[in-house]
All heavy atoms as atom14 arrays in JSON, in Angstrom:
{
  "sequence": "VVVTTHYGPLKELAQTMPGFANASVEFDVTRLAPTYRL",
  "atom14_mask": [
    [1, 1, 1, 1, 1, 1, 1, 0, 0, 0, 0, 0, 0, 0],
    [1, 1, 1, 1, 1, 1, 1, 0, 0, 0, 0, 0, 0, 0],
    [1, 1, 1, 1, 1, 1, 1, 0, 0, 0, 0, 0, 0, 0],
    [1, 1, 1, 1, 1, 1, 1, 0, 0, 0, 0, 0, 0, 0],
    [1, 1, 1, 1, 1, 1, 1, 0, 0, 0, 0, 0, 0, 0],
    [1, 1, 1, 1, 1, 1, 1, 1, 1, 1, 0, 0, 0, 0],
    [1, 1, 1, 1, 1, 1, 1, 1, 1, 1, 1, 1, 0, 0],
    [1, 1, 1, 1, 0, 0, 0, 0, 0, 0, 0, 0, 0, 0],
    [1, 1, 1, 1, 1, 1, 1, 0, 0, 0, 0, 0, 0, 0],
    [1, 1, 1, 1, 1, 1, 1, 1, 0, 0, 0, 0, 0, 0],
    [1, 1, 1, 1, 1, 1, 1, 1, 1, 0, 0, 0, 0, 0],
    [1, 1, 1, 1, 1, 1, 1, 1, 1, 0, 0, 0, 0, 0],
    [1, 1, 1, 1, 1, 1, 1, 1, 0, 0, 0, 0, 0, 0],
    [1, 1, 1, 1, 1, 0, 0, 0, 0, 0, 0, 0, 0, 0],
    [1, 1, 1, 1, 1, 1, 1, 1, 1, 0, 0, 0, 0, 0],
    [1, 1, 1, 1, 1, 1, 1, 0, 0, 0, 0, 0, 0, 0],
    [1, 1, 1, 1, 1, 1, 1, 1, 0, 0, 0, 0, 0, 0],
    [1, 1, 1, 1, 1, 1, 1, 0, 0, 0, 0, 0, 0, 0],
    [1, 1, 1, 1, 0, 0, 0, 0, 0, 0, 0, 0, 0, 0],
    [1, 1, 1, 1, 1, 1, 1, 1, 1, 1, 1, 0, 0, 0],
    [1, 1, 1, 1, 1, 0, 0, 0, 0, 0, 0, 0, 0, 0],
    [1, 1, 1, 1, 1, 1, 1, 1, 0, 0, 0, 0, 0, 0],
    [1, 1, 1, 1, 1, 0, 0, 0, 0, 0, 0, 0, 0, 0],
    [1, 1, 1, 1, 1, 1, 0, 0, 0, 0, 0, 0, 0, 0],
    [1, 1, 1, 1, 1, 1, 1, 0, 0, 0, 0, 0, 0, 0],
    [1, 1, 1, 1, 1, 1, 1, 1, 1, 0, 0, 0, 0, 0],
    [1, 1, 1, 1, 1, 1, 1, 1, 1, 1, 1, 0, 0, 0],
    [1, 1, 1, 1, 1, 1, 1, 1, 0, 0, 0, 0, 0, 0],
    [1, 1, 1, 1, 1, 1, 1, 0, 0, 0, 0, 0, 0, 0],
    [1, 1, 1, 1, 1, 1, 1, 0, 0, 0, 0, 0, 0, 0],
    [1, 1, 1, 1, 1, 1, 1, 1, 1, 1, 1, 0, 0, 0],
    [1, 1, 1, 1, 1, 1, 1, 1, 0, 0, 0, 0, 0, 0],
    [1, 1, 1, 1, 1, 0, 0, 0, 0, 0, 0, 0, 0, 0],
    [1, 1, 1, 1, 1, 1, 1, 0, 0, 0, 0, 0, 0, 0],
    [1, 1, 1, 1, 1, 1, 1, 0, 0, 0, 0, 0, 0, 0],
    [1, 1, 1, 1, 1, 1, 1, 1, 1, 1, 1, 1, 0, 0],
    [1, 1, 1, 1, 1, 1, 1, 1, 1, 1, 1, 0, 0, 0],
    [1, 1, 1, 1, 1, 1, 1, 1, 0, 0, 0, 0, 0, 0]
  ],
  "atom14_positions": [
    [[92.45, 193.87, 70.08], [91.69, 194.39, 71.2], [92.57, 194.44, 72.44], [93.27, 193.46, 72.79], [90.44, 193.57, 71.47], [89.62, 194.23, 72.6], [89.58, 193.44, 70.23], [0.0, 0.0, 0.0], [0.0, 0.0, 0.0], [0.0, 0.0, 0.0], [0.0, 0.0, 0.0], [0.0, 0.0, 0.0], [0.0, 0.0, 0.0], [0.0, 0.0, 0.0]],
    [[92.56, 195.56, 73.16], [93.16, 195.68, 74.51], [92.06, 196.09, 75.42], [91.33, 197.06, 75.19], [94.3, 196.72, 74.55], [94.93, 196.72, 75.96], [95.35, 196.4, 73.49], [0.0, 0.0, 0.0], [0.0, 0.0, 0.0], [0.0, 0.0, 0.0], [0.0, 0.0, 0.0], [0.0, 0.0, 0.0], [0.0, 0.0, 0.0], [0.0, 0.0, 0.0]],
    [[91.88, 195.27, 76.49], [90.71, 195.49, 77.36], [91.18, 195.44, 78.82], [92.07, 194.64, 79.21], [89.67, 194.47, 77.09], [90.15, 193.05, 77.25], [88.4, 194.65, 78.02], [0.0, 0.0, 0.0], [0.0, 0.0, 0.0], [0.0, 0.0, 0.0], [0.0, 0.0, 0.0], [0.0, 0.0, 0.0], [0.0, 0.0, 0.0], [0.0, 0.0, 0.0]],
    [[90.65, 196.32, 79.64], [90.91, 196.26, 81.13], [89.67, 195.71, 81.75], [88.53, 195.98, 81.28], [91.25, 197.62, 81.72], [90.08, 198.49, 81.63], [92.45, 198.25, 80.96], [0.0, 0.0, 0.0], [0.0, 0.0, 0.0], [0.0, 0.0, 0.0], [0.0, 0.0, 0.0], [0.0, 0.0, 0.0], [0.0, 0.0, 0.0], [0.0, 0.0, 0.0]],
    [[89.84, 194.99, 82.85], [88.65, 194.38, 83.49], [88.96, 193.96, 84.96], [90.09, 193.8, 85.33], [88.16, 193.15, 82.71], [86.91, 192.72, 83.23], [89.15, 192.04, 82.82], [0.0, 0.0, 0.0], [0.0, 0.0, 0.0], [0.0, 0.0, 0.0], [0.0, 0.0, 0.0], [0.0, 0.0, 0.0], [0.0, 0.0, 0.0], [0.0, 0.0, 0.0]],
    [[87.85, 193.86, 85.73], [87.9, 193.21, 87.02], [87.19, 191.91, 86.99], [87.12, 191.14, 87.98], [87.26, 194.11, 88.1], [88.1, 195.34, 88.48], [89.26, 195.22, 89.1], [87.88, 196.67, 88.29], [89.8, 196.4, 89.32], [88.94, 197.3, 88.8], [0.0, 0.0, 0.0], [0.0, 0.0, 0.0], [0.0, 0.0, 0.0], [0.0, 0.0, 0.0]],
    [[86.54, 191.56, 85.88], [85.72, 190.37, 85.77], [86.6, 189.1, 85.79], [87.46, 188.94, 84.88], [84.89, 190.4, 84.51], [83.69, 191.34, 84.58], [83.3, 192.03, 83.43], [82.91, 191.51, 85.73], [82.21, 192.9, 83.44], [81.87, 192.38, 85.75], [81.53, 193.09, 84.58], [80.47, 193.89, 84.63], [0.0, 0.0, 0.0], [0.0, 0.0, 0.0]],
    [[86.36, 188.2, 86.73], [87.1, 186.94, 86.78], [86.92, 186.05, 85.53], [87.86, 185.52, 85.03], [0.0, 0.0, 0.0], [0.0, 0.0, 0.0], [0.0, 0.0, 0.0], [0.0, 0.0, 0.0], [0.0, 0.0, 0.0], [0.0, 0.0, 0.0], [0.0, 0.0, 0.0], [0.0, 0.0, 0.0], [0.0, 0.0, 0.0], [0.0, 0.0, 0.0]],
    [[85.62, 185.98, 85.03], [85.43, 185.12, 83.83], [86.27, 185.56, 82.59], [86.69, 184.73, 81.8], [83.98, 185.24, 83.57], [83.34, 185.48, 84.91], [84.35, 186.37, 85.64], [0.0, 0.0, 0.0], [0.0, 0.0, 0.0], [0.0, 0.0, 0.0], [0.0, 0.0, 0.0], [0.0, 0.0, 0.0], [0.0, 0.0, 0.0], [0.0, 0.0, 0.0]],
    [[86.5, 186.89, 82.49], [87.3, 187.35, 81.34], [88.76, 186.95, 81.51], [89.46, 186.61, 80.55], [87.18, 188.88, 81.2], [85.84, 189.45, 80.78], [85.93, 190.93, 80.5], [85.24, 188.73, 79.62], [0.0, 0.0, 0.0], [0.0, 0.0, 0.0], [0.0, 0.0, 0.0], [0.0, 0.0, 0.0], [0.0, 0.0, 0.0], [0.0, 0.0, 0.0]],
    [[89.26, 186.99, 82.79], [90.63, 186.52, 83.01], [90.74, 185.02, 82.7], [91.73, 184.58, 82.09], [91.03, 186.79, 84.47], [90.85, 188.24, 84.91], [91.11, 188.33, 86.37], [90.63, 189.65, 86.97], [90.85, 189.8, 88.41], [0.0, 0.0, 0.0], [0.0, 0.0, 0.0], [0.0, 0.0, 0.0], [0.0, 0.0, 0.0], [0.0, 0.0, 0.0]],
    [[89.76, 184.26, 83.08], [89.77, 182.83, 82.8], [89.71, 182.61, 81.3], [90.37, 181.7, 80.73], [88.59, 182.1, 83.55], [88.69, 182.18, 85.01], [87.42, 181.67, 85.7], [86.56, 181.11, 84.98], [87.26, 181.89, 86.94], [0.0, 0.0, 0.0], [0.0, 0.0, 0.0], [0.0, 0.0, 0.0], [0.0, 0.0, 0.0], [0.0, 0.0, 0.0]],
    [[88.86, 183.36, 80.59], [88.74, 183.25, 79.12], [90.09, 183.48, 78.44], [90.49, 182.73, 77.53], [87.74, 184.29, 78.64], [87.51, 184.32, 77.12], [86.78, 183.05, 76.64], [86.69, 185.55, 76.72], [0.0, 0.0, 0.0], [0.0, 0.0, 0.0], [0.0, 0.0, 0.0], [0.0, 0.0, 0.0], [0.0, 0.0, 0.0], [0.0, 0.0, 0.0]],
    [[90.83, 184.46, 79.01], [92.13, 184.81, 78.39], [93.13, 183.67, 78.58], [94.1, 183.56, 77.82], [92.66, 186.12, 78.94], [0.0, 0.0, 0.0], [0.0, 0.0, 0.0], [0.0, 0.0, 0.0], [0.0, 0.0, 0.0], [0.0, 0.0, 0.0], [0.0, 0.0, 0.0], [0.0, 0.0, 0.0], [0.0, 0.0, 0.0], [0.0, 0.0, 0.0]],
    [[92.96, 182.87, 79.63], [93.88, 181.75, 79.88], [93.57, 180.53, 79.01], [94.46, 179.73, 78.76], [93.78, 181.33, 81.35], [94.4, 182.27, 82.35], [95.89, 182.4, 82.16], [96.36, 183.39, 81.66], [96.65, 181.37, 82.61], [0.0, 0.0, 0.0], [0.0, 0.0, 0.0], [0.0, 0.0, 0.0], [0.0, 0.0, 0.0], [0.0, 0.0, 0.0]],
    [[92.35, 180.45, 78.51], [91.95, 179.21, 77.79], [91.67, 179.39, 76.32], [91.78, 178.47, 75.5], [90.7, 178.61, 78.46], [89.64, 179.61, 78.43], [91.0, 178.25, 79.91], [0.0, 0.0, 0.0], [0.0, 0.0, 0.0], [0.0, 0.0, 0.0], [0.0, 0.0, 0.0], [0.0, 0.0, 0.0], [0.0, 0.0, 0.0], [0.0, 0.0, 0.0]],
    [[91.26, 180.66, 75.93], [90.83, 180.89, 74.56], [92.07, 181.21, 73.65], [92.85, 182.09, 73.99], [89.86, 182.07, 74.5], [89.43, 182.48, 73.11], [88.3, 181.27, 72.33], [86.84, 181.52, 73.28], [0.0, 0.0, 0.0], [0.0, 0.0, 0.0], [0.0, 0.0, 0.0], [0.0, 0.0, 0.0], [0.0, 0.0, 0.0], [0.0, 0.0, 0.0]],
    [[92.23, 180.5, 72.57], [93.34, 180.82, 71.62], [93.19, 182.25, 71.08], [92.08, 182.74, 70.8], [93.13, 179.81, 70.47], [92.37, 178.7, 71.1], [91.47, 179.31, 72.14], [0.0, 0.0, 0.0], [0.0, 0.0, 0.0], [0.0, 0.0, 0.0], [0.0, 0.0, 0.0], [0.0, 0.0, 0.0], [0.0, 0.0, 0.0], [0.0, 0.0, 0.0]],
    [[94.35, 182.95, 71.02], [94.32, 184.34, 70.56], [94.11, 185.36, 71.69], [94.15, 186.57, 71.42], [0.0, 0.0, 0.0], [0.0, 0.0, 0.0], [0.0, 0.0, 0.0], [0.0, 0.0, 0.0], [0.0, 0.0, 0.0], [0.0, 0.0, 0.0], [0.0, 0.0, 0.0], [0.0, 0.0, 0.0], [0.0, 0.0, 0.0], [0.0, 0.0, 0.0]],
    [[93.83, 184.88, 72.89], [93.64, 185.75, 74.04], [94.86, 185.59, 74.96], [95.54, 184.59, 74.96], [92.42, 185.35, 74.84], [91.1, 185.82, 74.25], [90.69, 185.4, 73.02], [90.26, 186.66, 74.95], [89.49, 185.78, 72.46], [89.06, 187.07, 74.4], [88.71, 186.66, 73.14], [0.0, 0.0, 0.0], [0.0, 0.0, 0.0], [0.0, 0.0, 0.0]],
    [[95.19, 186.7, 75.65], [96.33, 186.65, 76.61], [95.99, 187.54, 77.82], [95.3, 188.54, 77.7], [97.6, 187.08, 75.94], [0.0, 0.0, 0.0], [0.0, 0.0, 0.0], [0.0, 0.0, 0.0], [0.0, 0.0, 0.0], [0.0, 0.0, 0.0], [0.0, 0.0, 0.0], [0.0, 0.0, 0.0], [0.0, 0.0, 0.0], [0.0, 0.0, 0.0]],
    [[96.54, 187.16, 78.93], [96.36, 187.93, 80.2], [97.53, 188.82, 80.45], [98.69, 188.53, 80.01], [96.23, 186.98, 81.37], [94.76, 186.69, 81.74], [93.96, 187.65, 81.76], [94.45, 185.45, 81.97], [0.0, 0.0, 0.0], [0.0, 0.0, 0.0], [0.0, 0.0, 0.0], [0.0, 0.0, 0.0], [0.0, 0.0, 0.0], [0.0, 0.0, 0.0]],
    [[97.34, 189.91, 81.14], [98.36, 190.75, 81.67], [97.8, 191.34, 82.95], [96.6, 191.56, 83.1], [98.8, 191.82, 80.69], [0.0, 0.0, 0.0], [0.0, 0.0, 0.0], [0.0, 0.0, 0.0], [0.0, 0.0, 0.0], [0.0, 0.0, 0.0], [0.0, 0.0, 0.0], [0.0, 0.0, 0.0], [0.0, 0.0, 0.0], [0.0, 0.0, 0.0]],
    [[98.68, 191.71, 83.91], [98.2, 192.37, 85.09], [99.19, 193.39, 85.58], [100.36, 193.3, 85.38], [97.99, 191.3, 86.17], [99.23, 190.7, 86.57], [0.0, 0.0, 0.0], [0.0, 0.0, 0.0], [0.0, 0.0, 0.0], [0.0, 0.0, 0.0], [0.0, 0.0, 0.0], [0.0, 0.0, 0.0], [0.0, 0.0, 0.0], [0.0, 0.0, 0.0]],
    [[98.62, 194.41, 86.3], [99.46, 195.45, 86.9], [99.72, 195.0, 88.37], [98.83, 194.47, 89.08], [98.84, 196.81, 86.85], [98.86, 197.32, 85.44], [97.38, 196.79, 87.39], [0.0, 0.0, 0.0], [0.0, 0.0, 0.0], [0.0, 0.0, 0.0], [0.0, 0.0, 0.0], [0.0, 0.0, 0.0], [0.0, 0.0, 0.0], [0.0, 0.0, 0.0]],
    [[100.94, 195.22, 88.85], [101.38, 194.72, 90.15], [100.83, 195.6, 91.29], [100.66, 196.82, 91.15], [102.9, 194.72, 90.2], [103.43, 194.1, 91.4], [104.98, 194.16, 91.46], [105.56, 195.2, 91.08], [105.6, 193.14, 91.81], [0.0, 0.0, 0.0], [0.0, 0.0, 0.0], [0.0, 0.0, 0.0], [0.0, 0.0, 0.0], [0.0, 0.0, 0.0]],
    [[100.6, 194.95, 92.45], [100.17, 195.66, 93.67], [101.13, 195.17, 94.76], [101.28, 193.98, 95.04], [98.75, 195.3, 94.02], [98.2, 196.12, 95.11], [97.78, 197.42, 94.93], [98.11, 195.57, 96.4], [97.25, 198.16, 95.99], [97.59, 196.34, 97.51], [97.15, 197.61, 97.24], [0.0, 0.0, 0.0], [0.0, 0.0, 0.0], [0.0, 0.0, 0.0]],
    [[101.75, 196.09, 95.46], [102.7, 195.8, 96.54], [101.89, 195.62, 97.85], [101.35, 196.62, 98.41], [103.71, 196.95, 96.69], [104.79, 196.63, 97.67], [104.58, 195.78, 98.56], [105.87, 197.25, 97.57], [0.0, 0.0, 0.0], [0.0, 0.0, 0.0], [0.0, 0.0, 0.0], [0.0, 0.0, 0.0], [0.0, 0.0, 0.0], [0.0, 0.0, 0.0]],
    [[101.76, 194.37, 98.25], [100.88, 194.09, 99.43], [101.52, 194.62, 100.71], [100.85, 194.81, 101.73], [100.66, 192.57, 99.55], [99.8, 192.07, 98.37], [101.99, 191.78, 99.62], [0.0, 0.0, 0.0], [0.0, 0.0, 0.0], [0.0, 0.0, 0.0], [0.0, 0.0, 0.0], [0.0, 0.0, 0.0], [0.0, 0.0, 0.0], [0.0, 0.0, 0.0]],
    [[102.86, 194.77, 100.77], [103.5, 195.28, 101.97], [103.21, 196.79, 102.15], [102.97, 197.25, 103.25], [105.0, 195.03, 101.94], [105.58, 195.68, 100.79], [105.3, 193.54, 101.89], [0.0, 0.0, 0.0], [0.0, 0.0, 0.0], [0.0, 0.0, 0.0], [0.0, 0.0, 0.0], [0.0, 0.0, 0.0], [0.0, 0.0, 0.0], [0.0, 0.0, 0.0]],
    [[103.27, 197.49, 101.02], [102.97, 198.99, 101.04], [101.49, 199.27, 100.84], [101.08, 200.39, 101.0], [103.85, 199.69, 100.04], [105.33, 199.72, 100.27], [106.04, 200.63, 99.33], [105.83, 200.32, 97.93], [105.15, 201.04, 97.05], [104.64, 202.26, 97.45], [105.0, 200.71, 95.82], [0.0, 0.0, 0.0], [0.0, 0.0, 0.0], [0.0, 0.0, 0.0]],
    [[100.78, 198.28, 100.39], [99.32, 198.43, 99.98], [99.22, 199.57, 99.01], [98.41, 200.45, 99.09], [98.48, 198.76, 101.22], [98.43, 197.63, 102.32], [97.53, 198.05, 103.48], [97.91, 196.34, 101.67], [0.0, 0.0, 0.0], [0.0, 0.0, 0.0], [0.0, 0.0, 0.0], [0.0, 0.0, 0.0], [0.0, 0.0, 0.0], [0.0, 0.0, 0.0]],
    [[100.05, 199.48, 97.97], [100.09, 200.52, 96.9], [100.47, 199.9, 95.62], [101.26, 198.9, 95.55], [101.07, 201.65, 97.25], [0.0, 0.0, 0.0], [0.0, 0.0, 0.0], [0.0, 0.0, 0.0], [0.0, 0.0, 0.0], [0.0, 0.0, 0.0], [0.0, 0.0, 0.0], [0.0, 0.0, 0.0], [0.0, 0.0, 0.0], [0.0, 0.0, 0.0]],
    [[99.93, 200.4, 94.46], [100.31, 199.86, 93.18], [101.74, 200.27, 92.81], [102.25, 201.29, 93.25], [99.33, 200.5, 92.24], [98.95, 201.8, 92.9], [98.96, 201.52, 94.34], [0.0, 0.0, 0.0], [0.0, 0.0, 0.0], [0.0, 0.0, 0.0], [0.0, 0.0, 0.0], [0.0, 0.0, 0.0], [0.0, 0.0, 0.0], [0.0, 0.0, 0.0]],
    [[102.38, 199.41, 92.05], [103.77, 199.73, 91.54], [103.79, 200.2, 90.07], [104.75, 200.67, 89.62], [104.69, 198.43, 91.59], [104.15, 197.49, 90.67], [104.71, 197.89, 93.0], [0.0, 0.0, 0.0], [0.0, 0.0, 0.0], [0.0, 0.0, 0.0], [0.0, 0.0, 0.0], [0.0, 0.0, 0.0], [0.0, 0.0, 0.0], [0.0, 0.0, 0.0]],
    [[102.61, 200.08, 89.39], [102.48, 200.47, 88.0], [103.26, 199.66, 87.04], [103.38, 199.97, 85.89], [102.8, 202.03, 87.83], [102.05, 202.88, 88.79], [102.7, 203.52, 89.79], [100.66, 203.03, 88.61], [101.99, 204.33, 90.72], [99.96, 203.83, 89.49], [100.62, 204.49, 90.56], [99.93, 205.28, 91.44], [0.0, 0.0, 0.0], [0.0, 0.0, 0.0]],
    [[103.79, 198.52, 87.55], [104.5, 197.63, 86.62], [103.55, 196.61, 86.03], [102.68, 196.04, 86.7], [105.68, 196.89, 87.42], [106.79, 197.8, 87.82], [107.66, 197.21, 88.89], [108.16, 195.91, 88.52], [108.72, 195.06, 89.34], [108.84, 195.39, 90.63], [109.16, 193.87, 88.97], [0.0, 0.0, 0.0], [0.0, 0.0, 0.0], [0.0, 0.0, 0.0]],
    [[103.73, 196.32, 84.72], [102.86, 195.44, 84.04], [103.54, 194.08, 83.81], [104.69, 194.02, 83.46], [102.5, 196.02, 82.63], [101.56, 195.21, 81.73], [100.16, 195.22, 82.3], [101.6, 195.73, 80.35], [0.0, 0.0, 0.0], [0.0, 0.0, 0.0], [0.0, 0.0, 0.0], [0.0, 0.0, 0.0], [0.0, 0.0, 0.0], [0.0, 0.0, 0.0]]
  ]
}
């Protein structure tokens, strides 16, 4: 399963549940724009 989300509990689940993993796309806070890097 590959899932995108804004839900905080799902991110926490991915940190603690075996078989789950987190990933995030970067946001440049200086430019206030996404970099599209994973």
